Amino acid sequence: MGVSSVRHDRLVDLNGVDVDWVRSKLTEFVAETKPVNQSRKNVITYRTAPACGRPAAIELVEAVRPILRRLYPEWQSENTGDPHDEFLSERDASRRLLARLDNQDEVNARLGGADTSPRIAASSLHHLIWSAAETQWTLGQRHEAVLAAAKAVNSQLQAKVSRRDVSEADLVKQAFSEKAPEPGKPRLRFNSIEDEKTRESMRGGTLEFGSGCFRAIRNPVGHLPNIEIEMTEQEALERLAALSLLARFIDDADLQI
């Protein structure tokens, strides 16, 4: 699923999307899964079944869910289900997405035109970041998504230097310390950089940047009550992008024992 780092509220990022195909799939799903009450003679129930039958509905929903994940990432948190209507949440989400597509041009015009600035898809971040954050993100728990991503980077660093006795900001400081390696305390260096000053700048910069990521990004979401750390989509994505960059620096660093 791609999530834009910058977008007007409720506008859909259609970059590379076959809109006609999307409309067709969503419209078909909404029409075919129309709920049919299952009451029978002398048996009254609130339970429904899709008009097309459950097997066909399952096939249709498997095409719709990837569309929703790509174009409407918060669909699950904004469309509640119903135990008596199995496909209600997907059907409501499809209707909402269709409405957004129908109004996209007018909304763009009213808001002063589409945003054509560069965008970052969340799925294009370092693979550890989005794989750790995606589940919580789709549930609308942005701070939990950021926390999961930070934990993934910590685990990445611990695995790289084979240390479990220390973690997060302290581990970053030790791993990128200017000190020579010691028994049980390997260091990380950027040996592929030929220029000595640039190489040292990357080491020291990563130490400060990585420590800052854990202190300013990971610690607040891990220590403060949820009510105090509510994040907008933009705020959460910026934090994920910072953690992604740190993960790439760790990947690029060479282990010195």
Protein backbone atom coordinates (compact mmCIF):
# COMPACT_ATOMS: atom_id res chain seq x y z
CA MET A 1 0.00 0.00 0.00
CA GLY A 2 1.32 3.42 -0.87
CA VAL A 3 0.66 6.38 1.40
CA SER A 4 1.60 9.85 0.23
CA SER A 5 3.76 11.93 2.52
CA VAL A 6 1.90 15.07 1.39
CA ARG A 7 -1.70 15.26 0.28
CA HIS A 8 -4.80 17.37 0.66
CA ASP A 9 -7.14 15.91 3.27
CA ARG A 10 -9.24 13.18 1.69
CA LEU A 11 -7.77 13.53 -1.77
CA VAL A 12 -6.62 10.30 -3.37
CA ASP A 13 -3.11 9.80 -4.74
CA LEU A 14 -3.85 8.43 -8.22
CA ASN A 15 -0.29 8.37 -9.50
CA GLY A 16 0.02 5.31 -11.77
CA VAL A 17 -3.52 4.13 -10.99
CA ASP A 18 -5.90 2.75 -13.63
CA VAL A 19 -8.89 4.75 -12.37
CA ASP A 20 -11.42 3.21 -14.75
CA TRP A 21 -10.50 -0.29 -13.59
CA VAL A 22 -10.71 0.78 -9.96
CA ARG A 23 -14.15 2.31 -10.48
CA SER A 24 -15.33 -0.84 -12.24
CA LYS A 25 -14.13 -3.16 -9.48
CA LEU A 26 -15.57 -1.05 -6.68
CA THR A 27 -18.90 -0.56 -8.42
CA GLU A 28 -19.21 -4.26 -9.18
CA PHE A 29 -18.40 -5.17 -5.59
CA VAL A 30 -20.97 -2.76 -4.13
CA ALA A 31 -23.68 -3.98 -6.48
CA GLU A 32 -22.98 -7.71 -6.26
CA THR A 33 -22.61 -7.87 -2.47
CA LYS A 34 -25.87 -6.04 -1.74
CA PRO A 35 -27.13 -7.65 1.49
CA VAL A 36 -30.13 -9.95 1.27
CA ASN A 37 -31.98 -10.69 4.49
CA GLN A 38 -31.93 -14.36 5.47
CA SER A 39 -35.29 -14.44 7.25
CA ARG A 40 -37.47 -17.41 6.33
CA LYS A 41 -41.03 -18.39 7.08
CA ASN A 42 -41.46 -18.41 10.86
CA VAL A 43 -37.76 -17.48 11.26
CA ILE A 44 -36.89 -13.79 11.62
CA THR A 45 -33.20 -12.84 11.63
CA TYR A 46 -31.05 -9.76 11.14
CA ARG A 47 -28.47 -11.87 9.37
CA THR A 48 -27.84 -11.15 5.70
CA ALA A 49 -25.90 -12.72 2.85
CA PRO A 50 -24.47 -11.11 -0.28
CA ALA A 51 -26.81 -11.16 -3.26
CA CYS A 52 -24.16 -12.84 -5.41
CA GLY A 53 -23.57 -15.59 -2.87
CA ARG A 54 -20.72 -15.85 -0.39
CA PRO A 55 -18.20 -17.69 -2.65
CA ALA A 56 -18.51 -15.03 -5.37
CA ALA A 57 -18.36 -12.25 -2.78
CA ILE A 58 -15.11 -13.65 -1.40
CA GLU A 59 -13.56 -13.55 -4.88
CA LEU A 60 -14.74 -9.97 -5.37
CA VAL A 61 -13.50 -8.75 -1.99
CA GLU A 62 -10.01 -10.11 -2.65
CA ALA A 63 -9.74 -7.69 -5.57
CA VAL A 64 -11.24 -4.79 -3.62
CA ARG A 65 -9.08 -4.97 -0.49
CA PRO A 66 -5.78 -4.22 -2.30
CA ILE A 67 -7.49 -1.22 -3.92
CA LEU A 68 -8.61 0.04 -0.53
CA ARG A 69 -5.17 -0.50 1.00
CA ARG A 70 -3.55 1.47 -1.82
CA LEU A 71 -6.01 4.36 -2.17
CA TYR A 72 -7.78 4.49 1.20
CA PRO A 73 -5.29 3.23 3.83
CA GLU A 74 -7.46 4.08 6.84
CA TRP A 75 -10.52 2.27 5.49
CA GLN A 76 -10.67 -0.31 8.28
CA SER A 77 -10.67 2.22 11.10
CA GLU A 78 -13.29 4.42 9.42
CA ASN A 79 -15.78 1.73 8.35
CA THR A 80 -17.13 -0.46 11.10
CA GLY A 81 -18.35 -3.95 10.39
CA ASP A 82 -21.52 -5.77 11.35
CA PRO A 83 -21.64 -9.39 12.54
CA HIS A 84 -24.84 -9.82 10.52
CA ASP A 85 -23.38 -8.38 7.29
CA GLU A 86 -19.98 -9.92 6.52
CA PHE A 87 -18.93 -7.48 3.78
CA LEU A 88 -20.38 -4.25 5.19
CA SER A 89 -17.08 -2.54 6.04
CA GLU A 90 -15.59 -3.20 2.59
CA ARG A 91 -18.83 -2.13 0.89
CA ASP A 92 -19.02 1.15 2.83
CA ALA A 93 -15.33 1.81 2.19
CA SER A 94 -15.85 1.18 -1.51
CA ARG A 95 -18.72 3.67 -1.57
CA ARG A 96 -16.58 6.28 0.19
CA LEU A 97 -13.68 5.77 -2.20
CA LEU A 98 -15.98 5.99 -5.21
CA ALA A 99 -17.37 9.27 -3.84
CA ARG A 100 -13.86 10.64 -3.43
CA LEU A 101 -12.97 9.68 -6.97
CA ASP A 102 -16.16 11.29 -8.26
CA ASN A 103 -15.37 14.55 -6.47
CA GLN A 104 -11.61 14.59 -6.96
CA ASP A 105 -11.49 17.17 -9.75
CA GLU A 106 -13.89 19.59 -8.08
CA VAL A 107 -12.13 19.30 -4.71
CA ASN A 108 -8.77 19.91 -6.39
CA ALA A 109 -10.14 23.02 -8.05
CA ARG A 110 -11.72 24.35 -4.87
CA LEU A 111 -8.52 23.77 -2.90
CA GLY A 112 -6.39 25.61 -5.41
CA GLY A 113 -5.26 22.76 -7.65
CA ALA A 114 -3.67 19.38 -7.15
CA ASP A 115 -0.47 19.12 -5.16
CA THR A 116 2.24 18.29 -7.70
CA SER A 117 5.15 18.29 -5.26
CA PRO A 118 7.27 15.12 -4.91
CA ARG A 119 5.75 12.37 -2.82
CA ILE A 120 7.06 9.40 -0.89
CA ALA A 121 5.08 6.17 -0.75
CA ALA A 122 5.23 4.48 2.65
CA SER A 123 5.79 1.17 0.90
CA SER A 124 8.96 2.61 -0.67
CA LEU A 125 10.56 3.25 2.72
CA HIS A 126 13.13 0.79 4.04
CA HIS A 127 11.47 -2.63 4.00
CA LEU A 128 11.76 -3.02 7.77
CA ILE A 129 9.85 0.19 8.41
CA TRP A 130 6.66 -0.40 6.46
CA SER A 131 6.50 -4.13 7.19
CA ALA A 132 6.61 -3.29 10.91
CA ALA A 133 4.22 -0.33 10.73
CA GLU A 134 1.61 -1.43 8.17
CA THR A 135 -0.74 -3.42 10.40
CA GLN A 136 -1.08 -0.72 13.04
CA TRP A 137 -1.33 1.98 10.38
CA THR A 138 -4.26 0.33 8.64
CA LEU A 139 -6.04 0.18 12.00
CA GLY A 140 -5.61 3.92 12.40
CA GLN A 141 -3.06 3.55 15.23
CA ARG A 142 -0.37 5.86 13.85
CA HIS A 143 1.62 6.21 17.06
CA GLU A 144 1.69 2.42 17.43
CA ALA A 145 2.88 2.16 13.82
CA VAL A 146 5.77 4.54 14.59
CA LEU A 147 6.62 2.61 17.75
CA ALA A 148 6.66 -0.69 15.84
CA ALA A 149 8.98 0.80 13.22
CA ALA A 150 11.36 2.13 15.88
CA LYS A 151 11.49 -1.29 17.53
CA ALA A 152 12.28 -2.86 14.16
CA VAL A 153 15.27 -0.52 13.68
CA ASN A 154 16.50 -1.31 17.18
CA SER A 155 16.32 -5.03 16.42
CA GLN A 156 18.15 -4.42 13.14
CA LEU A 157 21.01 -2.66 14.94
CA GLN A 158 21.19 -5.27 17.69
CA ALA A 159 21.44 -8.02 15.09
CA LYS A 160 24.10 -6.16 13.10
CA VAL A 161 26.45 -5.79 16.09
CA SER A 162 25.33 -9.03 17.81
CA ARG A 163 24.42 -7.30 21.06
CA ARG A 164 21.33 -7.73 23.23
CA ASP A 165 22.75 -6.22 26.43
CA VAL A 166 22.09 -2.66 25.28
CA SER A 167 19.58 -1.03 22.97
CA GLU A 168 18.28 2.05 21.19
CA ALA A 169 20.06 5.41 21.79
CA ASP A 170 22.78 3.88 23.98
CA LEU A 171 23.49 1.16 21.43
CA VAL A 172 23.70 3.71 18.60
CA LYS A 173 26.26 5.70 20.58
CA GLN A 174 28.35 2.62 21.27
CA ALA A 175 28.08 1.16 17.78
CA PHE A 176 29.12 4.41 16.08
CA SER A 177 31.56 5.48 18.78
CA GLU A 178 34.91 6.86 17.61
CA LYS A 179 36.59 4.38 19.93
CA ALA A 180 38.25 1.27 18.51
CA PRO A 181 36.35 -2.02 18.74
CA GLU A 182 36.56 -3.87 22.05
CA PRO A 183 35.74 -7.47 22.96
CA GLY A 184 31.97 -7.78 22.76
CA LYS A 185 31.70 -4.20 21.47
CA PRO A 186 32.09 -4.04 17.69
CA ARG A 187 31.83 -0.71 15.90
CA LEU A 188 30.15 0.43 12.72
CA ARG A 189 32.06 2.42 10.11
CA PHE A 190 31.52 3.70 6.58
CA ASN A 191 34.62 2.21 5.00
CA SER A 192 33.33 2.58 1.45
CA ILE A 193 33.68 6.37 1.74
CA GLU A 194 37.18 7.22 0.57
CA ASP A 195 37.47 10.76 1.93
CA GLU A 196 38.48 10.57 5.59
CA LYS A 197 36.64 13.74 6.68
CA THR A 198 33.44 12.65 4.97
CA ARG A 199 33.77 9.17 6.44
CA GLU A 200 34.15 10.63 9.92
CA SER A 201 31.30 13.03 9.32
CA MET A 202 28.99 10.12 8.42
CA ARG A 203 30.02 8.19 11.54
CA GLY A 204 29.48 11.10 13.88
CA GLY A 205 26.36 12.26 12.10
CA THR A 206 24.76 8.82 12.22
CA LEU A 207 25.58 8.58 15.93
CA GLU A 208 23.81 11.86 16.63
CA PHE A 209 20.96 11.25 14.19
CA GLY A 210 20.31 7.70 15.38
CA SER A 211 20.41 8.69 19.03
CA GLY A 212 18.04 11.55 18.25
CA CYS A 213 15.61 9.25 16.46
CA PHE A 214 15.29 7.01 19.48
CA ARG A 215 15.11 9.87 21.97
CA ALA A 216 12.74 12.16 20.04
CA ILE A 217 10.69 9.62 18.06
CA ARG A 218 10.69 6.28 19.83
CA ASN A 219 10.67 7.40 23.48
CA PRO A 220 7.64 9.73 23.36
CA VAL A 221 5.40 7.15 21.65
CA GLY A 222 6.61 4.47 24.04
CA HIS A 223 6.38 6.42 27.28
CA LEU A 224 3.57 8.96 27.00
CA PRO A 225 -0.15 8.15 27.33
CA ASN A 226 -1.85 7.62 23.99
CA ILE A 227 -3.99 10.72 24.43
CA GLU A 228 -0.84 12.86 24.52
CA ILE A 229 0.75 11.46 21.38
CA GLU A 230 -2.02 11.62 18.79
CA MET A 231 -0.42 12.16 15.38
CA THR A 232 -1.64 13.41 12.07
CA GLU A 233 -0.83 11.30 9.05
CA GLN A 234 1.85 13.80 8.04
CA GLU A 235 3.52 13.76 11.46
CA ALA A 236 3.59 9.98 11.56
CA LEU A 237 4.95 9.66 8.02
CA GLU A 238 7.75 12.11 8.74
CA ARG A 239 8.80 9.97 11.69
CA LEU A 240 8.67 6.81 9.60
CA ALA A 241 10.83 8.51 6.96
CA ALA A 242 13.44 9.45 9.58
CA LEU A 243 13.54 5.88 10.89
CA SER A 244 13.82 4.61 7.32
CA LEU A 245 16.90 6.75 6.73
CA LEU A 246 18.47 5.48 9.94
CA ALA A 247 17.79 1.89 8.86
CA ARG A 248 19.54 2.54 5.55
CA PHE A 249 22.55 4.05 7.32
CA ILE A 250 22.80 0.92 9.48
CA ASP A 251 22.60 -1.26 6.36
CA ASP A 252 25.37 0.75 4.69
CA ALA A 253 27.73 0.66 7.66
CA ASP A 254 30.56 -1.89 7.85
CA LEU A 255 31.11 -4.01 10.95
CA GLN A 256 34.49 -3.72 12.66
CA ILE A 257 35.35 -6.32 15.30
